[in-house]
Amino acid sequence: MMAQMNISIPERLKSWVESRVAEGSYSSSSDYLRDLVRRDQQYHEQLERLRVDIQAGYDSGISER
Protein backbone atom coordinates (compact mmCIF):
# COMPACT_ATOMS: atom_id res chain seq x y z
CA MET A 1 0.00 0.00 0.00
CA MET A 2 1.28 3.44 -0.90
CA ALA A 3 1.43 6.13 1.75
CA GLN A 4 0.47 9.64 0.83
CA MET A 5 2.55 12.78 1.33
CA ASN A 6 1.66 16.34 0.45
CA ILE A 7 4.49 18.76 -0.19
CA SER A 8 4.82 22.44 -0.97
CA ILE A 9 7.43 23.57 -3.47
CA PRO A 10 8.20 26.88 -5.16
CA GLU A 11 6.47 27.52 -8.49
CA ARG A 12 9.81 27.27 -10.32
CA LEU A 13 10.34 23.71 -9.07
CA LYS A 14 6.72 22.77 -9.76
CA SER A 15 7.17 23.95 -13.36
CA TRP A 16 10.33 21.88 -13.66
CA VAL A 17 8.55 18.73 -12.46
CA GLU A 18 5.66 19.38 -14.81
CA SER A 19 8.04 19.83 -17.74
CA ARG A 20 9.71 16.49 -16.99
CA VAL A 21 6.30 14.81 -16.95
CA ALA A 22 5.19 16.63 -20.14
CA GLU A 23 8.26 15.48 -22.08
CA GLY A 24 7.34 11.90 -21.27
CA SER A 25 10.22 11.10 -18.96
CA TYR A 26 7.77 10.33 -16.14
CA SER A 27 4.11 9.38 -16.06
CA SER A 28 3.24 11.78 -13.23
CA SER A 29 4.75 14.18 -10.73
CA SER A 30 4.48 11.42 -8.12
CA ASP A 31 6.45 9.09 -10.39
CA TYR A 32 9.14 11.75 -10.79
CA LEU A 33 9.40 12.41 -7.05
CA ARG A 34 9.49 8.68 -6.24
CA ASP A 35 12.39 8.31 -8.68
CA LEU A 36 14.27 11.20 -7.05
CA VAL A 37 13.80 9.74 -3.58
CA ARG A 38 14.86 6.28 -4.79
CA ARG A 39 18.02 7.70 -6.40
CA ASP A 40 18.84 9.68 -3.25
CA GLN A 41 18.37 6.55 -1.15
CA GLN A 42 20.63 4.51 -3.46
CA TYR A 43 23.26 7.27 -3.38
CA HIS A 44 23.33 7.34 0.41
CA GLU A 45 23.41 3.54 0.67
CA GLN A 46 26.37 3.43 -1.73
CA LEU A 47 28.09 6.22 0.18
CA GLU A 48 27.70 4.29 3.44
CA ARG A 49 29.14 1.13 1.83
CA LEU A 50 32.12 3.17 0.65
CA ARG A 51 32.62 4.59 4.15
CA VAL A 52 32.58 1.08 5.59
CA ASP A 53 35.08 -0.13 2.98
CA ILE A 54 37.38 2.85 3.56
CA GLN A 55 37.27 2.28 7.30
CA ALA A 56 38.05 -1.41 6.77
CA GLY A 57 41.07 -0.35 4.72
CA TYR A 58 42.29 1.97 7.46
CA ASP A 59 41.67 -0.68 10.11
CA SER A 60 43.63 -3.32 8.18
CA GLY A 61 46.85 -1.43 8.79
CA ILE A 62 49.82 -0.80 6.56
CA SER A 63 50.54 -3.41 3.90
CA GLU A 64 53.89 -5.13 4.07
CA ARG A 65 54.10 -5.39 0.29
PDB file of N, CA and C in Angstrom:
ATOM      1  N   MET A   1       0.843  -1.184   0.000  1.00  0.00           N
ATOM      2  CA  MET A   1       0.000   0.000   0.000  1.00  0.00           C
ATOM      3  C   MET A   1       0.887   1.244   0.000  1.00  0.00           C
ATOM      4  N   MET A   2       0.533   2.189  -0.801  1.00  0.00           N
ATOM      5  CA  MET A   2       1.281   3.441  -0.898  1.00  0.00           C
ATOM      6  C   MET A   2       0.805   4.411   0.174  1.00  0.00           C
ATOM      7  N   ALA A   3       1.757   5.045   0.824  1.00  0.00           N
ATOM      8  CA  ALA A   3       1.435   6.128   1.753  1.00  0.00           C
ATOM      9  C   ALA A   3       1.319   7.417   0.961  1.00  0.00           C
ATOM     10  N   GLN A   4       0.645   8.370   1.523  1.00  0.00           N
ATOM     11  CA  GLN A   4       0.466   9.641   0.835  1.00  0.00           C
ATOM     12  C   GLN A   4       1.234  10.733   1.559  1.00  0.00           C
ATOM     13  N   MET A   5       1.812  11.654   0.777  1.00  0.00           N
ATOM     14  CA  MET A   5       2.547  12.777   1.335  1.00  0.00           C
ATOM     15  C   MET A   5       2.235  14.001   0.498  1.00  0.00           C
ATOM     16  N   ASN A   6       1.905  15.078   1.140  1.00  0.00           N
ATOM     17  CA  ASN A   6       1.662  16.339   0.447  1.00  0.00           C
ATOM     18  C   ASN A   6       2.847  17.253   0.705  1.00  0.00           C
ATOM     19  N   ILE A   7       3.353  17.872  -0.337  1.00  0.00           N
ATOM     20  CA  ILE A   7       4.490  18.764  -0.185  1.00  0.00           C
ATOM     21  C   ILE A   7       4.194  20.110  -0.824  1.00  0.00           C
ATOM     22  N   SER A   8       4.906  21.113  -0.363  1.00  0.00           N
ATOM     23  CA  SER A   8       4.822  22.443  -0.970  1.00  0.00           C
ATOM     24  C   SER A   8       6.188  22.763  -1.561  1.00  0.00           C
ATOM     25  N   ILE A   9       6.185  23.202  -2.811  1.00  0.00           N
ATOM     26  CA  ILE A   9       7.434  23.569  -3.471  1.00  0.00           C
ATOM     27  C   ILE A   9       7.233  24.892  -4.190  1.00  0.00           C
ATOM     28  N   PRO A  10       8.320  25.618  -4.418  1.00  0.00           N
ATOM     29  CA  PRO A  10       8.197  26.879  -5.157  1.00  0.00           C
ATOM     30  C   PRO A  10       7.682  26.628  -6.585  1.00  0.00           C
ATOM     31  N   GLU A  11       7.038  27.630  -7.145  1.00  0.00           N
ATOM     32  CA  GLU A  11       6.472  27.520  -8.489  1.00  0.00           C
ATOM     33  C   GLU A  11       7.522  27.096  -9.521  1.00  0.00           C
ATOM     34  N   ARG A  12       8.734  27.611  -9.381  1.00  0.00           N
ATOM     35  CA  ARG A  12       9.810  27.272 -10.322  1.00  0.00           C
ATOM     36  C   ARG A  12      10.082  25.768 -10.328  1.00  0.00           C
ATOM     37  N   LEU A  13      10.105  25.147  -9.145  1.00  0.00           N
ATOM     38  CA  LEU A  13      10.338  23.708  -9.073  1.00  0.00           C
ATOM     39  C   LEU A  13       9.124  22.928  -9.576  1.00  0.00           C
ATOM     40  N   LYS A  14       7.938  23.419  -9.267  1.00  0.00           N
ATOM     41  CA  LYS A  14       6.719  22.773  -9.763  1.00  0.00           C
ATOM     42  C   LYS A  14       6.718  22.771 -11.290  1.00  0.00           C
ATOM     43  N   SER A  15       7.102  23.872 -11.890  1.00  0.00           N
ATOM     44  CA  SER A  15       7.174  23.951 -13.355  1.00  0.00           C
ATOM     45  C   SER A  15       8.189  22.970 -13.905  1.00  0.00           C
ATOM     46  N   TRP A  16       9.295  22.824 -13.214  1.00  0.00           N
ATOM     47  CA  TRP A  16      10.329  21.879 -13.656  1.00  0.00           C
ATOM     48  C   TRP A  16       9.781  20.457 -13.649  1.00  0.00           C
ATOM     49  N   VAL A  17       9.134  20.080 -12.565  1.00  0.00           N
ATOM     50  CA  VAL A  17       8.555  18.732 -12.457  1.00  0.00           C
ATOM     51  C   VAL A  17       7.536  18.524 -13.568  1.00  0.00           C
ATOM     52  N   GLU A  18       6.675  19.496 -13.772  1.00  0.00           N
ATOM     53  CA  GLU A  18       5.656  19.383 -14.812  1.00  0.00           C
ATOM     54  C   GLU A  18       6.267  19.260 -16.201  1.00  0.00           C
ATOM     55  N   SER A  19       7.384  19.943 -16.427  1.00  0.00           N
ATOM     56  CA  SER A  19       8.039  19.833 -17.742  1.00  0.00           C
ATOM     57  C   SER A  19       8.635  18.447 -17.944  1.00  0.00           C
ATOM     58  N   ARG A  20       9.170  17.846 -16.888  1.00  0.00           N
ATOM     59  CA  ARG A  20       9.713  16.486 -16.994  1.00  0.00           C
ATOM     60  C   ARG A  20       8.599  15.492 -17.307  1.00  0.00           C
ATOM     61  N   VAL A  21       7.445  15.686 -16.685  1.00  0.00           N
ATOM     62  CA  VAL A  21       6.299  14.814 -16.949  1.00  0.00           C
ATOM     63  C   VAL A  21       5.804  15.043 -18.377  1.00  0.00           C
ATOM     64  N   ALA A  22       5.703  16.302 -18.804  1.00  0.00           N
ATOM     65  CA  ALA A  22       5.191  16.632 -20.139  1.00  0.00           C
ATOM     66  C   ALA A  22       6.068  16.069 -21.255  1.00  0.00           C
ATOM     67  N   GLU A  23       7.380  16.015 -21.024  1.00  0.00           N
ATOM     68  CA  GLU A  23       8.259  15.485 -22.079  1.00  0.00           C
ATOM     69  C   GLU A  23       8.236  13.963 -22.137  1.00  0.00           C
ATOM     70  N   GLY A  24       7.506  13.354 -21.223  1.00  0.00           N
ATOM     71  CA  GLY A  24       7.337  11.905 -21.275  1.00  0.00           C
ATOM     72  C   GLY A  24       8.354  11.120 -20.467  1.00  0.00           C
ATOM     73  N   SER A  25       9.218  11.799 -19.763  1.00  0.00           N
ATOM     74  CA  SER A  25      10.216  11.100 -18.958  1.00  0.00           C
ATOM     75  C   SER A  25       9.587  10.371 -17.772  1.00  0.00           C
ATOM     76  N   TYR A  26       8.473  10.896 -17.289  1.00  0.00           N
ATOM     77  CA  TYR A  26       7.774  10.325 -16.141  1.00  0.00           C
ATOM     78  C   TYR A  26       6.277  10.368 -16.418  1.00  0.00           C
ATOM     79  N   SER A  27       5.554   9.435 -15.814  1.00  0.00           N
ATOM     80  CA  SER A  27       4.109   9.382 -16.063  1.00  0.00           C
ATOM     81  C   SER A  27       3.330  10.369 -15.209  1.00  0.00           C
ATOM     82  N   SER A  28       3.924  10.828 -14.105  1.00  0.00           N
ATOM     83  CA  SER A  28       3.236  11.776 -13.225  1.00  0.00           C
ATOM     84  C   SER A  28       4.264  12.460 -12.333  1.00  0.00           C
ATOM     85  N   SER A  29       3.840  13.520 -11.661  1.00  0.00           N
ATOM     86  CA  SER A  29       4.747  14.183 -10.726  1.00  0.00           C
ATOM     87  C   SER A  29       5.105  13.237  -9.582  1.00  0.00           C
ATOM     88  N   SER A  30       4.185  12.401  -9.172  1.00  0.00           N
ATOM     89  CA  SER A  30       4.483  11.423  -8.123  1.00  0.00           C
ATOM     90  C   SER A  30       5.558  10.438  -8.580  1.00  0.00           C
ATOM     91  N   ASP A  31       5.461  10.008  -9.830  1.00  0.00           N
ATOM     92  CA  ASP A  31       6.453   9.090 -10.395  1.00  0.00           C
ATOM     93  C   ASP A  31       7.836   9.744 -10.387  1.00  0.00           C
ATOM     94  N   TYR A  32       7.881  11.005 -10.770  1.00  0.00           N
ATOM     95  CA  TYR A  32       9.144  11.751 -10.791  1.00  0.00           C
ATOM     96  C   TYR A  32       9.736  11.857  -9.386  1.00  0.00           C
ATOM     97  N   LEU A  33       8.918  12.247  -8.417  1.00  0.00           N
ATOM     98  CA  LEU A  33       9.404  12.406  -7.052  1.00  0.00           C
ATOM     99  C   LEU A  33       9.826  11.076  -6.438  1.00  0.00           C
ATOM    100  N   ARG A  34       9.083  10.005  -6.723  1.00  0.00           N
ATOM    101  CA  ARG A  34       9.494   8.677  -6.239  1.00  0.00           C
ATOM    102  C   ARG A  34      10.867   8.315  -6.789  1.00  0.00           C
ATOM    103  N   ASP A  35      11.097   8.608  -8.072  1.00  0.00           N
ATOM    104  CA  ASP A  35      12.392   8.306  -8.681  1.00  0.00           C
ATOM    105  C   ASP A  35      13.505   9.108  -8.013  1.00  0.00           C
ATOM    106  N   LEU A  36      13.265  10.377  -7.728  1.00  0.00           N
ATOM    107  CA  LEU A  36      14.272  11.196  -7.054  1.00  0.00           C
ATOM    108  C   LEU A  36      14.605  10.657  -5.671  1.00  0.00           C
ATOM    109  N   VAL A  37      13.578  10.272  -4.926  1.00  0.00           N
ATOM    110  CA  VAL A  37      13.797   9.743  -3.580  1.00  0.00           C
ATOM    111  C   VAL A  37      14.558   8.417  -3.657  1.00  0.00           C
ATOM    112  N   ARG A  38      14.173   7.558  -4.608  1.00  0.00           N
ATOM    113  CA  ARG A  38      14.864   6.279  -4.794  1.00  0.00           C
ATOM    114  C   ARG A  38      16.346   6.496  -5.112  1.00  0.00           C
ATOM    115  N   ARG A  39      16.629   7.421  -6.025  1.00  0.00           N
ATOM    116  CA  ARG A  39      18.022   7.701  -6.396  1.00  0.00           C
ATOM    117  C   ARG A  39      18.813   8.255  -5.212  1.00  0.00           C
ATOM    118  N   ASP A  40      18.183   9.130  -4.430  1.00  0.00           N
ATOM    119  CA  ASP A  40      18.837   9.677  -3.253  1.00  0.00           C
ATOM    120  C   ASP A  40      19.129   8.567  -2.248  1.00  0.00           C
ATOM    121  N   GLN A  41      18.182   7.669  -2.066  1.00  0.00           N
ATOM    122  CA  GLN A  41      18.369   6.551  -1.149  1.00  0.00           C
ATOM    123  C   GLN A  41      19.522   5.662  -1.623  1.00  0.00           C
ATOM    124  N   GLN A  42      19.555   5.334  -2.910  1.00  0.00           N
ATOM    125  CA  GLN A  42      20.635   4.513  -3.459  1.00  0.00           C
ATOM    126  C   GLN A  42      21.985   5.193  -3.291  1.00  0.00           C
ATOM    127  N   TYR A  43      22.022   6.500  -3.532  1.00  0.00           N
ATOM    128  CA  TYR A  43      23.261   7.266  -3.380  1.00  0.00           C
ATOM    129  C   TYR A  43      23.782   7.158  -1.951  1.00  0.00           C
ATOM    130  N   HIS A  44      22.910   7.367  -0.990  1.00  0.00           N
ATOM    131  CA  HIS A  44      23.332   7.338   0.408  1.00  0.00           C
ATOM    132  C   HIS A  44      23.708   5.934   0.870  1.00  0.00           C
ATOM    133  N   GLU A  45      23.032   4.918   0.347  1.00  0.00           N
ATOM    134  CA  GLU A  45      23.407   3.541   0.667  1.00  0.00           C
ATOM    135  C   GLU A  45      24.786   3.223   0.106  1.00  0.00           C
ATOM    136  N   GLN A  46      25.057   3.659  -1.122  1.00  0.00           N
ATOM    137  CA  GLN A  46      26.367   3.432  -1.733  1.00  0.00           C
ATOM    138  C   GLN A  46      27.441   4.199  -0.965  1.00  0.00           C
ATOM    139  N   LEU A  47      27.148   5.424  -0.578  1.00  0.00           N
ATOM    140  CA  LEU A  47      28.094   6.220   0.181  1.00  0.00           C
ATOM    141  C   LEU A  47      28.434   5.542   1.506  1.00  0.00           C
ATOM    142  N   GLU A  48      27.447   4.987   2.167  1.00  0.00           N
ATOM    143  CA  GLU A  48      27.696   4.294   3.437  1.00  0.00           C
ATOM    144  C   GLU A  48      28.554   3.052   3.222  1.00  0.00           C
ATOM    145  N   ARG A  49      28.294   2.300   2.142  1.00  0.00           N
ATOM    146  CA  ARG A  49      29.138   1.130   1.834  1.00  0.00           C
ATOM    147  C   ARG A  49      30.581   1.554   1.590  1.00  0.00           C
ATOM    148  N   LEU A  50      30.772   2.661   0.888  1.00  0.00           N
ATOM    149  CA  LEU A  50      32.122   3.165   0.649  1.00  0.00           C
ATOM    150  C   LEU A  50      32.802   3.566   1.948  1.00  0.00           C
ATOM    151  N   ARG A  51      32.063   4.215   2.845  1.00  0.00           N
ATOM    152  CA  ARG A  51      32.625   4.588   4.147  1.00  0.00           C
ATOM    153  C   ARG A  51      33.067   3.356   4.926  1.00  0.00           C
ATOM    154  N   VAL A  52      32.239   2.325   4.899  1.00  0.00           N
ATOM    155  CA  VAL A  52      32.581   1.077   5.591  1.00  0.00           C
ATOM    156  C   VAL A  52      33.837   0.466   4.978  1.00  0.00           C
ATOM    157  N   ASP A  53      33.910   0.431   3.658  1.00  0.00           N
ATOM    158  CA  ASP A  53      35.082  -0.132   2.980  1.00  0.00           C
ATOM    159  C   ASP A  53      36.339   0.682   3.263  1.00  0.00           C
ATOM    160  N   ILE A  54      36.226   1.989   3.267  1.00  0.00           N
ATOM    161  CA  ILE A  54      37.376   2.851   3.561  1.00  0.00           C
ATOM    162  C   ILE A  54      37.846   2.616   4.988  1.00  0.00           C
ATOM    163  N   GLN A  55      36.895   2.526   5.912  1.00  0.00           N
ATOM    164  CA  GLN A  55      37.269   2.282   7.304  1.00  0.00           C
ATOM    165  C   GLN A  55      37.936   0.919   7.446  1.00  0.00           C
ATOM    166  N   ALA A  56      37.437  -0.083   6.733  1.00  0.00           N
ATOM    167  CA  ALA A  56      38.052  -1.412   6.771  1.00  0.00           C
ATOM    168  C   ALA A  56      39.485  -1.339   6.252  1.00  0.00           C
ATOM    169  N   GLY A  57      39.711  -0.530   5.233  1.00  0.00           N
ATOM    170  CA  GLY A  57      41.069  -0.353   4.717  1.00  0.00           C
ATOM    171  C   GLY A  57      41.981   0.288   5.745  1.00  0.00           C
ATOM    172  N   TYR A  58      41.496   1.330   6.404  1.00  0.00           N
ATOM    173  CA  TYR A  58      42.289   1.969   7.461  1.00  0.00           C
ATOM    174  C   TYR A  58      42.563   0.986   8.598  1.00  0.00           C
ATOM    175  N   ASP A  59      41.544   0.249   8.982  1.00  0.00           N
ATOM    176  CA  ASP A  59      41.669  -0.678  10.106  1.00  0.00           C
ATOM    177  C   ASP A  59      42.600  -1.853   9.800  1.00  0.00           C
ATOM    178  N   SER A  60      42.791  -2.169   8.529  1.00  0.00           N
ATOM    179  CA  SER A  60      43.628  -3.316   8.181  1.00  0.00           C
ATOM    180  C   SER A  60      45.117  -3.028   8.363  1.00  0.00           C
ATOM    181  N   GLY A  61      45.460  -1.779   8.543  1.00  0.00           N
ATOM    182  CA  GLY A  61      46.854  -1.433   8.789  1.00  0.00           C
ATOM    183  C   GLY A  61      47.631  -1.244   7.504  1.00  0.00           C
ATOM    184  N   ILE A  62      48.919  -1.057   7.683  1.00  0.00           N
ATOM    185  CA  ILE A  62      49.819  -0.801   6.556  1.00  0.00           C
ATOM    186  C   ILE A  62      50.226  -2.142   5.940  1.00  0.00           C
ATOM    187  N   SER A  63      50.153  -2.198   4.613  1.00  0.00           N
ATOM    188  CA  SER A  63      50.541  -3.407   3.897  1.00  0.00           C
ATOM    189  C   SER A  63      52.054  -3.600   3.980  1.00  0.00           C
ATOM    190  N   GLU A  64      52.451  -4.846   4.029  1.00  0.00           N
ATOM    191  CA  GLU A  64      53.889  -5.135   4.070  1.00  0.00           C
ATOM    192  C   GLU A  64      54.456  -5.352   2.681  1.00  0.00           C
ATOM    193  N   ARG A  65      53.624  -5.223   1.665  1.00  0.00           N
ATOM    194  CA  ARG A  65      54.101  -5.392   0.287  1.00  0.00           C
ATOM    195  C   ARG A  65      54.751  -4.138  -0.196  1.00  0.00           C
TER     196      ARG A  65
END
